């Protein structure tokens, strides 16, 4: 079993739902933080969701309000994710950057 510290970075280019991170099929993950920043000098509203392996979508935060050049920490507590679950974000503006800090717990040594 291996613990793998990683991050997922994303610069949104459209307002549609975009995958931030997908848990590998042989792992679980703890998302320690999710930092969302507006980088074009305008306001934006972001929505963060978690999609189960079976396709059911759960809203984590439906209203992440970003001021011009502002940032928000979405999680106040770590988020536990199971195998093949997907963390996604969409925003009213395409000028949003996202950084997730993640610990993967892998059942294989690598």
Protein backbone atom coordinates (compact mmCIF):
# COMPACT_ATOMS: atom_id res chain seq x y z
CA UNK A 1 0.00 0.00 0.00
CA UNK A 2 1.40 3.37 -0.97
CA UNK A 3 0.49 6.90 0.02
CA UNK A 4 0.92 9.28 -2.90
CA UNK A 5 0.84 13.03 -2.31
CA UNK A 6 -0.26 14.88 -5.43
CA UNK A 7 -2.18 17.88 -6.69
CA UNK A 8 -4.54 18.56 -9.54
CA UNK A 9 -4.40 21.91 -11.31
CA UNK A 10 -6.88 23.33 -13.78
CA UNK A 11 -7.39 26.60 -15.61
CA UNK A 12 -10.98 26.76 -16.80
CA UNK A 13 -11.46 27.81 -20.41
CA UNK A 14 -15.25 27.40 -20.57
CA UNK A 15 -18.23 27.53 -18.23
CA UNK A 16 -19.19 23.84 -18.60
CA UNK A 17 -18.52 21.20 -15.95
CA UNK A 18 -14.83 20.25 -16.08
CA UNK A 19 -13.10 17.36 -14.32
CA UNK A 20 -10.56 18.40 -11.69
CA UNK A 21 -9.61 14.92 -10.47
CA UNK A 22 -10.64 11.28 -10.90
CA UNK A 23 -9.66 8.72 -8.27
CA UNK A 24 -7.76 5.78 -9.83
CA UNK A 25 -9.64 2.48 -9.78
CA UNK A 26 -7.09 0.95 -7.38
CA UNK A 27 -7.10 3.83 -4.88
CA UNK A 28 -9.04 5.99 -2.50
CA UNK A 29 -8.26 9.68 -2.02
CA UNK A 30 -8.42 12.41 0.58
CA UNK A 31 -8.78 15.88 -0.91
CA UNK A 32 -7.21 18.14 1.71
CA UNK A 33 -8.00 21.45 0.03
CA UNK A 34 -9.60 22.95 -3.05
CA UNK A 35 -8.49 26.50 -3.83
CA UNK A 36 -10.49 28.37 -6.49
CA UNK A 37 -9.25 31.73 -7.86
CA UNK A 38 -10.64 34.28 -10.32
CA UNK A 39 -7.82 35.61 -12.50
CA UNK A 40 -9.31 38.06 -15.02
CA UNK A 41 -10.35 40.98 -12.81
CA UNK A 42 -14.05 40.13 -12.94
CA UNK A 43 -16.45 38.24 -10.68
CA UNK A 44 -17.40 34.57 -11.03
CA UNK A 45 -19.54 31.96 -9.32
CA UNK A 46 -18.35 28.35 -9.24
CA UNK A 47 -20.13 25.06 -8.54
CA UNK A 48 -18.24 22.00 -7.27
CA UNK A 49 -19.67 18.49 -7.63
CA UNK A 50 -18.73 14.89 -6.82
CA UNK A 51 -19.79 12.16 -9.26
CA UNK A 52 -19.99 8.57 -8.02
CA UNK A 53 -18.63 5.72 -10.14
CA UNK A 54 -22.27 4.86 -10.95
CA UNK A 55 -22.92 8.36 -12.33
CA UNK A 56 -24.92 9.98 -9.50
CA UNK A 57 -23.91 13.63 -9.04
CA UNK A 58 -23.72 15.28 -5.61
CA UNK A 59 -23.30 19.03 -5.14
CA UNK A 60 -20.41 19.91 -2.80
CA UNK A 61 -20.86 23.68 -3.09
CA UNK A 62 -23.36 25.34 -5.41
CA UNK A 63 -22.33 28.93 -4.74
CA UNK A 64 -18.58 29.65 -4.55
CA UNK A 65 -18.60 33.44 -5.01
CA UNK A 66 -15.34 34.86 -6.36
CA UNK A 67 -14.64 38.56 -6.33
CA UNK A 68 -12.39 40.11 -8.97
CA UNK A 69 -8.95 38.48 -8.57
CA UNK A 70 -10.26 36.83 -5.40
CA UNK A 71 -9.86 33.30 -4.09
CA UNK A 72 -11.89 30.90 -1.97
CA UNK A 73 -11.00 27.74 -0.09
CA UNK A 74 -13.96 25.45 -0.88
CA UNK A 75 -13.39 22.75 1.77
CA UNK A 76 -13.37 23.43 5.49
CA UNK A 77 -12.72 19.70 6.13
CA UNK A 78 -11.05 17.00 3.98
CA UNK A 79 -13.19 15.20 1.39
CA UNK A 80 -12.90 11.40 1.20
CA UNK A 81 -13.31 10.00 -2.32
CA UNK A 82 -13.74 6.35 -3.32
CA UNK A 83 -12.50 4.45 -6.35
CA UNK A 84 -13.36 6.06 -9.72
CA UNK A 85 -15.22 9.03 -8.20
CA UNK A 86 -14.85 12.36 -10.04
CA UNK A 87 -14.47 15.89 -8.66
CA UNK A 88 -15.75 18.53 -11.10
CA UNK A 89 -16.16 22.31 -11.25
CA UNK A 90 -17.97 24.76 -13.46
CA UNK A 91 -18.00 28.55 -13.26
CA UNK A 92 -19.92 31.47 -14.73
CA UNK A 93 -16.64 32.76 -16.13
CA UNK A 94 -13.90 30.86 -17.91
CA UNK A 95 -11.23 32.80 -16.02
CA UNK A 96 -11.02 30.56 -12.96
CA UNK A 97 -8.02 28.55 -11.74
CA UNK A 98 -8.32 25.55 -9.43
CA UNK A 99 -5.75 23.69 -7.31
CA UNK A 100 -6.62 20.57 -5.30
CA UNK A 101 -4.22 19.04 -2.77
CA UNK A 102 -4.73 15.28 -2.62
CA UNK A 103 -3.49 12.20 -0.80
CA UNK A 104 -4.08 8.99 -2.78
CA UNK A 105 -4.08 5.74 -0.85
CA UNK A 106 -3.09 3.14 -3.40
CA UNK A 107 -3.55 -0.59 -2.73
CA UNK A 108 -0.47 -1.43 -4.80
CA UNK A 109 3.14 -0.58 -4.08
CA UNK A 110 4.56 1.81 -6.66
